[in-house]
């Protein structure tokens, strides 16, 4: 599909009311058409069956959805792993809000066959100072690295790496909550050890206590770990 054909398709599926709703949820998002994510995912799968390299090499960034589509196609297309990482890196440079980060990142399941290489790939983003690039790294960890093999390294990263901005902090808190749901014992030690900043600690506890995957007993336990300043508010 050409850029013109893609734009025509997106405009045909645009919803102005949904665009306004999305804009209220995604601060900083520009030029929203109001195309729902399932439609974008289906379009990405169709493009991935065609000449997706030509598409990605010349894809337009004229709307939020056109940019999002590039990330979705990168995850859906079949290609050598090294090339896929190069194209992921090109997409990360375009991320300027949480939605452009989260939806593609959680779909990058191809990294699960190459976790060690992908872990190394993520380190510059994790340790960098770009807010949304770091959020991308946290979301990649929570979606693809909360495993028996990597849980120790993931929790160590949570201890060692400070968040580089609000949206990075929220991604890190989300990661801690996912870790707790799957590995409560070591994650409880992290929360009890005072090794997270106050904001990340309390946001993680909020997400844990909202989770259906966590027992009521565990929720009562983690509530006691809220920082005193937050409890007194």
C-alpha atoms as a PDB file:
ATOM      1  CA  UNK A   1       0.000   0.000   0.000  1.00  0.00           C
ATOM      2  CA  UNK A   2       1.192   3.504  -0.776  1.00  0.00           C
ATOM      3  CA  UNK A   3       1.174   6.327   1.746  1.00  0.00           C
ATOM      4  CA  UNK A   4      -1.752   7.830  -0.095  1.00  0.00           C
ATOM      5  CA  UNK A   5      -3.730   4.572   0.072  1.00  0.00           C
ATOM      6  CA  UNK A   6      -2.924   4.197   3.761  1.00  0.00           C
ATOM      7  CA  UNK A   7      -4.025   7.749   4.489  1.00  0.00           C
ATOM      8  CA  UNK A   8      -7.281   7.190   2.590  1.00  0.00           C
ATOM      9  CA  UNK A   9      -7.891   4.002   4.581  1.00  0.00           C
ATOM     10  CA  UNK A  10      -7.213   5.750   7.895  1.00  0.00           C
ATOM     11  CA  UNK A  11      -9.441   8.694   7.053  1.00  0.00           C
ATOM     12  CA  UNK A  12     -12.228   6.286   6.095  1.00  0.00           C
ATOM     13  CA  UNK A  13     -11.967   4.728   9.566  1.00  0.00           C
ATOM     14  CA  UNK A  14     -11.483   7.990  11.466  1.00  0.00           C
ATOM     15  CA  UNK A  15     -13.826   8.998  14.266  1.00  0.00           C
ATOM     16  CA  UNK A  16     -13.634  12.608  15.414  1.00  0.00           C
ATOM     17  CA  UNK A  17     -15.264  11.868  18.781  1.00  0.00           C
ATOM     18  CA  UNK A  18     -12.833   9.035  19.443  1.00  0.00           C
ATOM     19  CA  UNK A  19      -9.947  11.309  18.420  1.00  0.00           C
ATOM     20  CA  UNK A  20     -11.056  13.882  21.001  1.00  0.00           C
ATOM     21  CA  UNK A  21     -11.372  11.169  23.649  1.00  0.00           C
ATOM     22  CA  UNK A  22      -7.921   9.790  22.805  1.00  0.00           C
ATOM     23  CA  UNK A  23      -6.383  13.255  22.939  1.00  0.00           C
ATOM     24  CA  UNK A  24      -7.624  13.596  26.526  1.00  0.00           C
ATOM     25  CA  UNK A  25      -5.833  10.374  27.467  1.00  0.00           C
ATOM     26  CA  UNK A  26      -2.589  10.913  25.552  1.00  0.00           C
ATOM     27  CA  UNK A  27      -1.086  14.323  26.340  1.00  0.00           C
ATOM     28  CA  UNK A  28       1.260  15.449  23.628  1.00  0.00           C
ATOM     29  CA  UNK A  29      -0.234  13.304  20.880  1.00  0.00           C
ATOM     30  CA  UNK A  30      -0.423  15.251  17.643  1.00  0.00           C
ATOM     31  CA  UNK A  31      -2.766  15.023  14.649  1.00  0.00           C
ATOM     32  CA  UNK A  32      -5.020  12.231  15.902  1.00  0.00           C
ATOM     33  CA  UNK A  33      -7.499  10.930  13.347  1.00  0.00           C
ATOM     34  CA  UNK A  34      -9.390   8.724  15.793  1.00  0.00           C
ATOM     35  CA  UNK A  35      -8.724   5.261  14.317  1.00  0.00           C
ATOM     36  CA  UNK A  36      -9.154   2.476  16.848  1.00  0.00           C
ATOM     37  CA  UNK A  37      -6.235   0.212  17.687  1.00  0.00           C
ATOM     38  CA  UNK A  38      -7.790  -3.068  16.419  1.00  0.00           C
ATOM     39  CA  UNK A  39      -8.176  -1.437  12.990  1.00  0.00           C
ATOM     40  CA  UNK A  40      -4.533  -0.346  13.043  1.00  0.00           C
ATOM     41  CA  UNK A  41      -3.382  -3.818  14.081  1.00  0.00           C
ATOM     42  CA  UNK A  42      -5.347  -5.441  11.263  1.00  0.00           C
ATOM     43  CA  UNK A  43      -3.919  -2.973   8.759  1.00  0.00           C
ATOM     44  CA  UNK A  44      -0.398  -3.653  10.068  1.00  0.00           C
ATOM     45  CA  UNK A  45      -0.864  -7.389   9.559  1.00  0.00           C
ATOM     46  CA  UNK A  46      -2.006  -6.776   5.978  1.00  0.00           C
ATOM     47  CA  UNK A  47       0.974  -4.533   5.228  1.00  0.00           C
ATOM     48  CA  UNK A  48       3.327  -7.101   6.797  1.00  0.00           C
ATOM     49  CA  UNK A  49       2.176  -9.621   4.173  1.00  0.00           C
ATOM     50  CA  UNK A  50       3.094  -7.253   1.354  1.00  0.00           C
ATOM     51  CA  UNK A  51       6.197  -5.192   0.513  1.00  0.00           C
ATOM     52  CA  UNK A  52       6.599  -3.933   4.059  1.00  0.00           C
ATOM     53  CA  UNK A  53      10.213  -2.822   3.560  1.00  0.00           C
ATOM     54  CA  UNK A  54       9.183  -0.299   0.917  1.00  0.00           C
ATOM     55  CA  UNK A  55       6.409   0.862   3.236  1.00  0.00           C
ATOM     56  CA  UNK A  56       8.661   1.309   6.293  1.00  0.00           C
ATOM     57  CA  UNK A  57      11.435   2.981   4.311  1.00  0.00           C
ATOM     58  CA  UNK A  58       9.067   5.674   3.075  1.00  0.00           C
ATOM     59  CA  UNK A  59       6.289   5.725   5.666  1.00  0.00           C
ATOM     60  CA  UNK A  60       4.661   9.054   6.459  1.00  0.00           C
ATOM     61  CA  UNK A  61       4.436  10.616   9.937  1.00  0.00           C
ATOM     62  CA  UNK A  62       1.583  12.964   9.069  1.00  0.00           C
ATOM     63  CA  UNK A  63      -0.704  11.659  11.818  1.00  0.00           C
ATOM     64  CA  UNK A  64      -0.501   9.855  15.140  1.00  0.00           C
ATOM     65  CA  UNK A  65      -1.941   6.737  13.521  1.00  0.00           C
ATOM     66  CA  UNK A  66       0.572   6.729  10.649  1.00  0.00           C
ATOM     67  CA  UNK A  67       3.407   6.803  13.158  1.00  0.00           C
ATOM     68  CA  UNK A  68       1.833   4.105  15.340  1.00  0.00           C
ATOM     69  CA  UNK A  69       1.348   1.931  12.264  1.00  0.00           C
ATOM     70  CA  UNK A  70       5.098   1.855  11.646  1.00  0.00           C
ATOM     71  CA  UNK A  71       5.688   0.339  15.070  1.00  0.00           C
ATOM     72  CA  UNK A  72       2.929  -2.213  14.580  1.00  0.00           C
ATOM     73  CA  UNK A  73       4.271  -3.249  11.168  1.00  0.00           C
ATOM     74  CA  UNK A  74       7.786  -3.555  12.599  1.00  0.00           C
ATOM     75  CA  UNK A  75       6.451  -6.051  15.114  1.00  0.00           C
ATOM     76  CA  UNK A  76       4.289  -7.954  12.626  1.00  0.00           C
ATOM     77  CA  UNK A  77       6.697  -8.342   9.689  1.00  0.00           C
ATOM     78  CA  UNK A  78       9.010 -11.331   9.370  1.00  0.00           C
ATOM     79  CA  UNK A  79      12.664 -10.348   9.027  1.00  0.00           C
ATOM     80  CA  UNK A  80      16.111 -11.215  10.390  1.00  0.00           C
ATOM     81  CA  UNK A  81      16.429 -10.323  14.072  1.00  0.00           C
ATOM     82  CA  UNK A  82      19.265  -7.838  13.507  1.00  0.00           C
ATOM     83  CA  UNK A  83      17.182  -5.946  10.962  1.00  0.00           C
ATOM     84  CA  UNK A  84      14.184  -5.974  13.274  1.00  0.00           C
ATOM     85  CA  UNK A  85      16.232  -4.339  16.024  1.00  0.00           C
ATOM     86  CA  UNK A  86      17.446  -1.680  13.581  1.00  0.00           C
ATOM     87  CA  UNK A  87      13.870  -0.921  12.616  1.00  0.00           C
ATOM     88  CA  UNK A  88      12.775  -0.873  16.260  1.00  0.00           C
ATOM     89  CA  UNK A  89      15.518   1.667  16.953  1.00  0.00           C
ATOM     90  CA  UNK A  90      14.246   3.814  14.076  1.00  0.00           C
ATOM     91  CA  UNK A  91      10.749   3.661  15.527  1.00  0.00           C
ATOM     92  CA  UNK A  92      11.848   4.493  19.088  1.00  0.00           C
ATOM     93  CA  UNK A  93      13.277   7.772  17.818  1.00  0.00           C
ATOM     94  CA  UNK A  94       9.709   8.763  16.859  1.00  0.00           C
ATOM     95  CA  UNK A  95       8.081   8.007  20.216  1.00  0.00           C
ATOM     96  CA  UNK A  96       6.872  11.162  21.941  1.00  0.00           C
ATOM     97  CA  UNK A  97       3.951   9.886  24.037  1.00  0.00           C
ATOM     98  CA  UNK A  98       3.065   6.817  26.087  1.00  0.00           C
ATOM     99  CA  UNK A  99       0.637   5.364  23.540  1.00  0.00           C
ATOM    100  CA  UNK A 100       3.152   5.285  20.686  1.00  0.00           C
ATOM    101  CA  UNK A 101       5.410   3.472  23.144  1.00  0.00           C
ATOM    102  CA  UNK A 102       3.155   0.909  24.766  1.00  0.00           C
ATOM    103  CA  UNK A 103       1.059  -0.616  21.994  1.00  0.00           C
ATOM    104  CA  UNK A 104       3.958  -1.532  19.681  1.00  0.00           C
ATOM    105  CA  UNK A 105       6.346  -2.486  22.513  1.00  0.00           C
ATOM    106  CA  UNK A 106       3.991  -5.011  24.065  1.00  0.00           C
ATOM    107  CA  UNK A 107       3.609  -6.575  20.619  1.00  0.00           C
ATOM    108  CA  UNK A 108       7.327  -7.004  19.947  1.00  0.00           C
ATOM    109  CA  UNK A 109       7.129 -10.692  20.851  1.00  0.00           C
ATOM    110  CA  UNK A 110       9.910 -11.570  18.429  1.00  0.00           C
ATOM    111  CA  UNK A 111      12.416 -10.605  21.136  1.00  0.00           C
ATOM    112  CA  UNK A 112      11.398 -13.624  23.214  1.00  0.00           C
ATOM    113  CA  UNK A 113      13.480 -15.890  20.971  1.00  0.00           C
ATOM    114  CA  UNK A 114      16.524 -13.641  21.429  1.00  0.00           C
ATOM    115  CA  UNK A 115      16.158 -12.272  24.947  1.00  0.00           C
ATOM    116  CA  UNK A 116      19.858 -11.979  25.721  1.00  0.00           C
ATOM    117  CA  UNK A 117      20.567  -9.927  22.603  1.00  0.00           C
ATOM    118  CA  UNK A 118      17.416  -7.876  23.164  1.00  0.00           C
ATOM    119  CA  UNK A 119      18.427  -7.206  26.776  1.00  0.00           C
ATOM    120  CA  UNK A 120      21.705  -5.711  25.590  1.00  0.00           C
ATOM    121  CA  UNK A 121      19.869  -3.702  22.927  1.00  0.00           C
ATOM    122  CA  UNK A 122      17.634  -2.131  25.581  1.00  0.00           C
ATOM    123  CA  UNK A 123      20.414  -0.994  27.921  1.00  0.00           C
ATOM    124  CA  UNK A 124      21.154   2.373  26.259  1.00  0.00           C
ATOM    125  CA  UNK A 125      17.456   3.251  26.407  1.00  0.00           C
ATOM    126  CA  UNK A 126      17.176   2.071  29.991  1.00  0.00           C
ATOM    127  CA  UNK A 127      20.156   4.110  31.168  1.00  0.00           C
ATOM    128  CA  UNK A 128      19.527   7.135  28.967  1.00  0.00           C
ATOM    129  CA  UNK A 129      17.786  10.370  29.869  1.00  0.00           C
ATOM    130  CA  UNK A 130      15.095  10.377  27.169  1.00  0.00           C
ATOM    131  CA  UNK A 131      11.763   9.985  28.988  1.00  0.00           C
ATOM    132  CA  UNK A 132       9.899   8.011  26.351  1.00  0.00           C
ATOM    133  CA  UNK A 133      12.849   5.930  25.204  1.00  0.00           C
ATOM    134  CA  UNK A 134      13.324   4.850  28.801  1.00  0.00           C
ATOM    135  CA  UNK A 135       9.617   4.121  29.155  1.00  0.00           C
ATOM    136  CA  UNK A 136       9.984   1.959  26.052  1.00  0.00           C
ATOM    137  CA  UNK A 137      12.690  -0.053  27.826  1.00  0.00           C
ATOM    138  CA  UNK A 138      10.586  -0.501  30.981  1.00  0.00           C
ATOM    139  CA  UNK A 139       7.571  -1.609  28.946  1.00  0.00           C
ATOM    140  CA  UNK A 140       9.679  -4.038  26.940  1.00  0.00           C
ATOM    141  CA  UNK A 141      10.908  -5.543  30.207  1.00  0.00           C
ATOM    142  CA  UNK A 142       7.433  -5.957  31.670  1.00  0.00           C
ATOM    143  CA  UNK A 143       6.042  -7.447  28.458  1.00  0.00           C
ATOM    144  CA  UNK A 144       8.868  -9.830  27.557  1.00  0.00           C
ATOM    145  CA  UNK A 145      11.401 -10.243  30.390  1.00  0.00           C
ATOM    146  CA  UNK A 146       9.482 -11.056  33.579  1.00  0.00           C
ATOM    147  CA  UNK A 147      10.657 -14.667  33.435  1.00  0.00           C
ATOM    148  CA  UNK A 148      12.522 -17.106  35.653  1.00  0.00           C
ATOM    149  CA  UNK A 149      15.729 -16.379  33.762  1.00  0.00           C
ATOM    150  CA  UNK A 150      15.515 -12.580  33.864  1.00  0.00           C
ATOM    151  CA  UNK A 151      13.578 -11.649  37.018  1.00  0.00           C
ATOM    152  CA  UNK A 152      16.785 -11.059  38.986  1.00  0.00           C
ATOM    153  CA  UNK A 153      18.186  -8.725  36.354  1.00  0.00           C
ATOM    154  CA  UNK A 154      14.863  -6.940  35.976  1.00  0.00           C
ATOM    155  CA  UNK A 155      14.594  -6.235  39.704  1.00  0.00           C
ATOM    156  CA  UNK A 156      18.253  -5.160  39.797  1.00  0.00           C
ATOM    157  CA  UNK A 157      17.504  -2.678  37.007  1.00  0.00           C
ATOM    158  CA  UNK A 158      14.566  -1.313  38.987  1.00  0.00           C
ATOM    159  CA  UNK A 159      16.956  -0.728  41.890  1.00  0.00           C
ATOM    160  CA  UNK A 160      19.806   0.752  39.882  1.00  0.00           C
ATOM    161  CA  UNK A 161      18.120   2.957  37.279  1.00  0.00           C
ATOM    162  CA  UNK A 162      16.256   6.139  38.294  1.00  0.00           C
ATOM    163  CA  UNK A 163      13.306   7.188  36.123  1.00  0.00           C
ATOM    164  CA  UNK A 164      14.048   9.919  33.592  1.00  0.00           C
ATOM    165  CA  UNK A 165      10.637  11.599  33.760  1.00  0.00           C
ATOM    166  CA  UNK A 166       7.014  11.101  34.739  1.00  0.00           C
ATOM    167  CA  UNK A 167       6.095   8.675  31.966  1.00  0.00           C
ATOM    168  CA  UNK A 168       9.287   6.699  32.478  1.00  0.00           C
ATOM    169  CA  UNK A 169       8.460   6.508  36.191  1.00  0.00           C
ATOM    170  CA  UNK A 170       4.958   5.237  35.442  1.00  0.00           C
ATOM    171  CA  UNK A 171       6.400   2.588  33.127  1.00  0.00           C
ATOM    172  CA  UNK A 172       8.814   1.505  35.839  1.00  0.00           C
ATOM    173  CA  UNK A 173       6.011   1.326  38.417  1.00  0.00           C
ATOM    174  CA  UNK A 174       3.959  -0.775  36.010  1.00  0.00           C
ATOM    175  CA  UNK A 175       6.932  -3.115  35.629  1.00  0.00           C
ATOM    176  CA  UNK A 176       7.284  -3.504  39.405  1.00  0.00           C
ATOM    177  CA  UNK A 177       3.577  -4.342  39.647  1.00  0.00           C
ATOM    178  CA  UNK A 178       3.889  -6.997  36.933  1.00  0.00           C
ATOM    179  CA  UNK A 179       6.912  -8.449  38.723  1.00  0.00           C
ATOM    180  CA  UNK A 180       4.954  -8.596  41.963  1.00  0.00           C
ATOM    181  CA  UNK A 181       2.023 -10.381  40.327  1.00  0.00           C
ATOM    182  CA  UNK A 182       4.308 -13.107  38.969  1.00  0.00           C
ATOM    183  CA  UNK A 183       7.166 -13.128  41.511  1.00  0.00           C
ATOM    184  CA  UNK A 184       5.747 -11.677  44.744  1.00  0.00           C
ATOM    185  CA  UNK A 185       8.487 -12.809  47.134  1.00  0.00           C
ATOM    186  CA  UNK A 186      11.526 -11.123  45.505  1.00  0.00           C
ATOM    187  CA  UNK A 187       9.490  -8.093  44.474  1.00  0.00           C
ATOM    188  CA  UNK A 188       8.226  -7.645  48.037  1.00  0.00           C
ATOM    189  CA  UNK A 189      11.855  -7.553  49.151  1.00  0.00           C
ATOM    190  CA  UNK A 190      12.504  -4.802  46.612  1.00  0.00           C
ATOM    191  CA  UNK A 191       9.583  -2.752  47.918  1.00  0.00           C
ATOM    192  CA  UNK A 192      10.525  -3.338  51.544  1.00  0.00           C
ATOM    193  CA  UNK A 193      14.173  -2.498  50.991  1.00  0.00           C
ATOM    194  CA  UNK A 194      13.714   1.229  50.391  1.00  0.00           C
ATOM    195  CA  UNK A 195      15.535   1.087  47.071  1.00  0.00           C
ATOM    196  CA  UNK A 196      12.909   2.834  44.938  1.00  0.00           C
ATOM    197  CA  UNK A 197      12.177   6.551  44.878  1.00  0.00           C
ATOM    198  CA  UNK A 198       8.980   7.554  46.686  1.00  0.00           C
ATOM    199  CA  UNK A 199       6.932   8.224  43.571  1.00  0.00           C
ATOM    200  CA  UNK A 200       7.790   4.936  41.853  1.00  0.00           C
ATOM    201  CA  UNK A 201       7.262   3.006  45.100  1.00  0.00           C
ATOM    202  CA  UNK A 202       3.800   4.402  45.706  1.00  0.00           C
ATOM    203  CA  UNK A 203       2.649   4.174  42.093  1.00  0.00           C
ATOM    204  CA  UNK A 204       3.795   0.549  41.983  1.00  0.00           C
ATOM    205  CA  UNK A 205       1.857  -0.211  45.175  1.00  0.00           C
ATOM    206  CA  UNK A 206      -1.204   1.468  43.706  1.00  0.00           C
ATOM    207  CA  UNK A 207      -0.996  -0.705  40.608  1.00  0.00           C
ATOM    208  CA  UNK A 208      -0.412  -3.841  42.693  1.00  0.00           C
ATOM    209  CA  UNK A 209      -3.448  -3.180  44.866  1.00  0.00           C
ATOM    210  CA  UNK A 210      -5.575  -2.571  41.763  1.00  0.00           C
ATOM    211  CA  UNK A 211      -4.506  -5.874  40.197  1.00  0.00           C
ATOM    212  CA  UNK A 212      -6.815  -8.890  39.942  1.00  0.00           C
ATOM    213  CA  UNK A 213      -3.705 -11.096  39.833  1.00  0.00           C
ATOM    214  CA  UNK A 214      -2.670 -10.291  43.414  1.00  0.00           C
ATOM    215  CA  UNK A 215      -4.241 -11.858  46.502  1.00  0.00           C
ATOM    216  CA  UNK A 216      -5.996  -9.741  49.108  1.00  0.00           C
ATOM    217  CA  UNK A 217      -3.435 -10.825  51.668  1.00  0.00           C
ATOM    218  CA  UNK A 218      -0.574  -9.618  49.494  1.00  0.00           C
ATOM    219  CA  UNK A 219      -2.402  -6.348  48.850  1.00  0.00           C
ATOM    220  CA  UNK A 220      -2.727  -5.750  52.596  1.00  0.00           C
ATOM    221  CA  UNK A 221       0.978  -6.433  52.963  1.00  0.00           C
ATOM    222  CA  UNK A 222       2.141  -4.022  50.269  1.00  0.00           C
ATOM    223  CA  UNK A 223      -0.153  -1.239  51.500  1.00  0.00           C
ATOM    224  CA  UNK A 224       1.976  -1.112  54.639  1.00  0.00           C
ATOM    225  CA  UNK A 225       4.984  -0.310  52.433  1.00  0.00           C
ATOM    226  CA  UNK A 226       3.637   2.998  51.164  1.00  0.00           C
ATOM    227  CA  UNK A 227       5.958   5.817  52.029  1.00  0.00           C
ATOM    228  CA  UNK A 228       4.888   7.770  55.106  1.00  0.00           C
ATOM    229  CA  UNK A 229       4.474  11.053  53.258  1.00  0.00           C
ATOM    230  CA  UNK A 230       1.944   9.453  50.914  1.00  0.00           C
ATOM    231  CA  UNK A 231       0.035   7.717  53.736  1.00  0.00           C
ATOM    232  CA  UNK A 232      -0.376  11.033  55.542  1.00  0.00           C
ATOM    233  CA  UNK A 233      -1.819  12.853  52.560  1.00  0.00           C
END
